[in-house]
Amino acid sequence: MSSGPAAYLTRRETFSACHRLHSKHLSSEQNKEIYGKCNNFHGHGHNYTVEVTLKGPIHPETGMVMNINDLKVYMDNAIMKPMDHKNLDKDVPYFSDVVSTTENVAVFVWKNLVKELPNPDILFEVKIYETEKNIIAYRGE
């Protein structure tokens, strides 16, 4: 069966998490200089918004790139379950050796989605709004 024209499908989720920007590879002084108030020993939190965009053919029978309900489940498994209301540095093993910057959170989400999606080739972009002013977009390696 031939596939239809390509389209972009985006779904948005929000989650809350805390973290501390701190690199084990830097001295305390370097961490304070680079990360400023985000290096607070007790951490700080964000209400993150994540947009996942797929790019793929519109299926001629269903009229969809992917069933949005399926994407919701994949995002729940890749984003919400591992990170919502968690301390990223202490509760998410991935960040035990990786600084929990929003750039690295985007990479983490991408890697998790690749494992979840039946066809990971249609994953186009992960965009994370850390704040209204700070936004990271990641399109794979």
C-alpha atoms as a PDB file:
ATOM      1  CA  MET A   1       0.000   0.000   0.000  1.00  0.00           C
ATOM      2  CA  SER A   2       1.450   3.382  -0.956  1.00  0.00           C
ATOM      3  CA  SER A   3       1.751   6.098   1.617  1.00  0.00           C
ATOM      4  CA  GLY A   4       0.175   9.514   1.294  1.00  0.00           C
ATOM      5  CA  PRO A   5       1.706  12.973   1.485  1.00  0.00           C
ATOM      6  CA  ALA A   6       3.873  13.806   4.505  1.00  0.00           C
ATOM      7  CA  ALA A   7       2.639  15.865   7.439  1.00  0.00           C
ATOM      8  CA  TYR A   8       3.921  17.013  10.813  1.00  0.00           C
ATOM      9  CA  LEU A   9       2.081  15.882  13.953  1.00  0.00           C
ATOM     10  CA  THR A  10       2.864  17.555  17.278  1.00  0.00           C
ATOM     11  CA  ARG A  11       1.639  16.676  20.757  1.00  0.00           C
ATOM     12  CA  ARG A  12       2.373  18.673  23.882  1.00  0.00           C
ATOM     13  CA  GLU A  13       2.713  17.489  27.485  1.00  0.00           C
ATOM     14  CA  THR A  14       3.730  19.312  30.660  1.00  0.00           C
ATOM     15  CA  PHE A  15       5.559  17.928  33.647  1.00  0.00           C
ATOM     16  CA  SER A  16       7.064  19.282  36.840  1.00  0.00           C
ATOM     17  CA  ALA A  17      10.507  18.313  38.055  1.00  0.00           C
ATOM     18  CA  CYS A  18      13.402  19.663  40.046  1.00  0.00           C
ATOM     19  CA  HIS A  19      17.123  19.479  39.424  1.00  0.00           C
ATOM     20  CA  ARG A  20      20.456  21.066  40.184  1.00  0.00           C
ATOM     21  CA  LEU A  21      22.835  22.127  37.455  1.00  0.00           C
ATOM     22  CA  HIS A  22      26.116  20.691  38.663  1.00  0.00           C
ATOM     23  CA  SER A  23      28.873  18.914  36.778  1.00  0.00           C
ATOM     24  CA  LYS A  24      31.050  16.354  38.542  1.00  0.00           C
ATOM     25  CA  HIS A  25      33.794  17.340  36.100  1.00  0.00           C
ATOM     26  CA  LEU A  26      34.011  20.914  37.399  1.00  0.00           C
ATOM     27  CA  SER A  27      35.105  22.400  40.700  1.00  0.00           C
ATOM     28  CA  SER A  28      32.564  23.935  43.067  1.00  0.00           C
ATOM     29  CA  GLU A  29      33.772  27.389  42.015  1.00  0.00           C
ATOM     30  CA  GLN A  30      33.432  26.559  38.307  1.00  0.00           C
ATOM     31  CA  ASN A  31      29.944  25.158  38.853  1.00  0.00           C
ATOM     32  CA  LYS A  32      28.866  28.304  40.687  1.00  0.00           C
ATOM     33  CA  GLU A  33      30.392  30.514  37.994  1.00  0.00           C
ATOM     34  CA  ILE A  34      28.834  28.626  35.062  1.00  0.00           C
ATOM     35  CA  TYR A  35      25.420  27.712  36.480  1.00  0.00           C
ATOM     36  CA  GLY A  36      24.866  30.596  38.934  1.00  0.00           C
ATOM     37  CA  LYS A  37      21.662  30.302  40.963  1.00  0.00           C
ATOM     38  CA  CYS A  38      20.803  27.070  39.114  1.00  0.00           C
ATOM     39  CA  ASN A  39      23.686  25.454  41.029  1.00  0.00           C
ATOM     40  CA  ASN A  40      21.809  25.934  44.324  1.00  0.00           C
ATOM     41  CA  PHE A  41      22.691  22.966  46.528  1.00  0.00           C
ATOM     42  CA  HIS A  42      19.020  22.222  47.217  1.00  0.00           C
ATOM     43  CA  GLY A  43      18.063  22.486  43.545  1.00  0.00           C
ATOM     44  CA  HIS A  44      15.177  24.278  41.890  1.00  0.00           C
ATOM     45  CA  GLY A  45      12.140  23.292  39.879  1.00  0.00           C
ATOM     46  CA  HIS A  46      10.465  23.868  36.534  1.00  0.00           C
ATOM     47  CA  ASN A  47       7.117  23.271  34.923  1.00  0.00           C
ATOM     48  CA  TYR A  48       8.446  21.934  31.633  1.00  0.00           C
ATOM     49  CA  THR A  49       6.410  21.829  28.435  1.00  0.00           C
ATOM     50  CA  VAL A  50       7.496  19.219  25.899  1.00  0.00           C
ATOM     51  CA  GLU A  51       6.413  19.180  22.269  1.00  0.00           C
ATOM     52  CA  VAL A  52       7.056  16.005  20.305  1.00  0.00           C
ATOM     53  CA  THR A  53       6.812  16.352  16.536  1.00  0.00           C
ATOM     54  CA  LEU A  54       6.563  13.436  14.142  1.00  0.00           C
ATOM     55  CA  LYS A  55       7.014  13.782  10.385  1.00  0.00           C
ATOM     56  CA  GLY A  56       5.594  11.055   8.251  1.00  0.00           C
ATOM     57  CA  PRO A  57       3.212  10.050   5.524  1.00  0.00           C
ATOM     58  CA  ILE A  58      -0.509  10.487   6.012  1.00  0.00           C
ATOM     59  CA  HIS A  59      -1.887   6.958   5.903  1.00  0.00           C
ATOM     60  CA  PRO A  60      -4.392   6.747   3.039  1.00  0.00           C
ATOM     61  CA  GLU A  61      -6.905   4.704   5.054  1.00  0.00           C
ATOM     62  CA  THR A  62      -6.724   6.359   8.482  1.00  0.00           C
ATOM     63  CA  GLY A  63      -5.823   9.885   7.360  1.00  0.00           C
ATOM     64  CA  MET A  64      -3.224  10.102  10.168  1.00  0.00           C
ATOM     65  CA  VAL A  65       0.537  10.191  10.558  1.00  0.00           C
ATOM     66  CA  MET A  66      -0.071   8.317  13.829  1.00  0.00           C
ATOM     67  CA  ASN A  67      -3.044   7.860  16.078  1.00  0.00           C
ATOM     68  CA  ILE A  68      -2.719  10.690  18.598  1.00  0.00           C
ATOM     69  CA  ASN A  69      -3.892   8.356  21.377  1.00  0.00           C
ATOM     70  CA  ASP A  70      -0.971   6.050  20.634  1.00  0.00           C
ATOM     71  CA  LEU A  71       1.429   9.010  20.698  1.00  0.00           C
ATOM     72  CA  LYS A  72      -0.021  10.009  24.068  1.00  0.00           C
ATOM     73  CA  VAL A  73       0.852   6.555  25.472  1.00  0.00           C
ATOM     74  CA  TYR A  74       4.384   6.671  24.024  1.00  0.00           C
ATOM     75  CA  MET A  75       4.951  10.129  25.511  1.00  0.00           C
ATOM     76  CA  ASP A  76       3.575   9.017  28.868  1.00  0.00           C
ATOM     77  CA  ASN A  77       6.095   6.162  28.945  1.00  0.00           C
ATOM     78  CA  ALA A  78       9.012   8.253  27.646  1.00  0.00           C
ATOM     79  CA  ILE A  79       8.402  11.516  29.523  1.00  0.00           C
ATOM     80  CA  MET A  80       5.761  11.518  32.219  1.00  0.00           C
ATOM     81  CA  LYS A  81       6.477   8.261  34.038  1.00  0.00           C
ATOM     82  CA  PRO A  82      10.237   8.737  34.345  1.00  0.00           C
ATOM     83  CA  MET A  83      10.296  12.504  35.059  1.00  0.00           C
ATOM     84  CA  ASP A  84       7.018  14.012  36.287  1.00  0.00           C
ATOM     85  CA  HIS A  85       7.274  15.163  39.909  1.00  0.00           C
ATOM     86  CA  LYS A  86      10.786  13.751  40.190  1.00  0.00           C
ATOM     87  CA  ASN A  87      14.196  15.028  41.137  1.00  0.00           C
ATOM     88  CA  LEU A  88      15.955  14.491  37.830  1.00  0.00           C
ATOM     89  CA  ASP A  89      19.390  14.112  39.409  1.00  0.00           C
ATOM     90  CA  LYS A  90      18.331  11.655  42.095  1.00  0.00           C
ATOM     91  CA  ASP A  91      15.355   9.791  40.622  1.00  0.00           C
ATOM     92  CA  VAL A  92      16.325   9.395  36.958  1.00  0.00           C
ATOM     93  CA  PRO A  93      19.398   7.141  36.552  1.00  0.00           C
ATOM     94  CA  TYR A  94      20.307   8.717  33.183  1.00  0.00           C
ATOM     95  CA  PHE A  95      21.248  11.945  34.989  1.00  0.00           C
ATOM     96  CA  SER A  96      23.589  10.326  37.506  1.00  0.00           C
ATOM     97  CA  ASP A  97      26.464  11.003  35.073  1.00  0.00           C
ATOM     98  CA  VAL A  98      24.864  13.624  32.798  1.00  0.00           C
ATOM     99  CA  VAL A  99      24.192  17.237  33.828  1.00  0.00           C
ATOM    100  CA  SER A 100      20.419  17.748  33.856  1.00  0.00           C
ATOM    101  CA  THR A 101      20.392  20.742  31.530  1.00  0.00           C
ATOM    102  CA  THR A 102      17.343  21.143  29.334  1.00  0.00           C
ATOM    103  CA  GLU A 103      19.507  20.190  26.362  1.00  0.00           C
ATOM    104  CA  ASN A 104      20.244  16.856  28.027  1.00  0.00           C
ATOM    105  CA  VAL A 105      16.601  16.427  29.070  1.00  0.00           C
ATOM    106  CA  ALA A 106      15.696  16.760  25.366  1.00  0.00           C
ATOM    107  CA  VAL A 107      18.251  14.072  24.457  1.00  0.00           C
ATOM    108  CA  PHE A 108      16.842  11.815  27.195  1.00  0.00           C
ATOM    109  CA  VAL A 109      13.294  12.280  25.869  1.00  0.00           C
ATOM    110  CA  TRP A 110      14.461  11.592  22.293  1.00  0.00           C
ATOM    111  CA  LYS A 111      16.234   8.371  23.294  1.00  0.00           C
ATOM    112  CA  ASN A 112      13.195   7.191  25.252  1.00  0.00           C
ATOM    113  CA  LEU A 113      10.842   7.941  22.365  1.00  0.00           C
ATOM    114  CA  VAL A 114      13.065   6.054  19.920  1.00  0.00           C
ATOM    115  CA  LYS A 115      12.590   2.991  22.142  1.00  0.00           C
ATOM    116  CA  GLU A 116       8.802   3.514  22.345  1.00  0.00           C
ATOM    117  CA  LEU A 117       7.798   4.386  18.795  1.00  0.00           C
ATOM    118  CA  PRO A 118       7.027   1.484  16.444  1.00  0.00           C
ATOM    119  CA  ASN A 119       8.677   3.509  13.655  1.00  0.00           C
ATOM    120  CA  PRO A 120      11.260   5.822  15.268  1.00  0.00           C
ATOM    121  CA  ASP A 121      12.251   7.175  11.845  1.00  0.00           C
ATOM    122  CA  ILE A 122       9.230   9.490  11.951  1.00  0.00           C
ATOM    123  CA  LEU A 123      10.468  11.242  15.114  1.00  0.00           C
ATOM    124  CA  PHE A 124      11.316  14.727  13.867  1.00  0.00           C
ATOM    125  CA  GLU A 125      11.833  16.986  16.883  1.00  0.00           C
ATOM    126  CA  VAL A 126      11.658  17.245  20.643  1.00  0.00           C
ATOM    127  CA  LYS A 127      11.146  20.805  21.857  1.00  0.00           C
ATOM    128  CA  ILE A 128      11.250  21.661  25.550  1.00  0.00           C
ATOM    129  CA  TYR A 129      10.123  24.914  27.106  1.00  0.00           C
ATOM    130  CA  GLU A 130      12.028  25.163  30.374  1.00  0.00           C
ATOM    131  CA  THR A 131      10.550  28.621  30.948  1.00  0.00           C
ATOM    132  CA  GLU A 132       8.600  31.012  28.760  1.00  0.00           C
ATOM    133  CA  LYS A 133      11.929  32.417  27.575  1.00  0.00           C
ATOM    134  CA  ASN A 134      14.198  29.342  27.495  1.00  0.00           C
ATOM    135  CA  ILE A 135      13.432  26.790  24.784  1.00  0.00           C
ATOM    136  CA  ILE A 136      15.500  23.879  23.491  1.00  0.00           C
ATOM    137  CA  ALA A 137      14.867  21.989  20.242  1.00  0.00           C
ATOM    138  CA  TYR A 138      16.572  18.667  19.525  1.00  0.00           C
ATOM    139  CA  ARG A 139      16.395  16.674  16.281  1.00  0.00           C
ATOM    140  CA  GLY A 140      18.502  13.628  17.044  1.00  0.00           C
ATOM    141  CA  GLU A 141      22.187  12.976  16.701  1.00  0.00           C
END
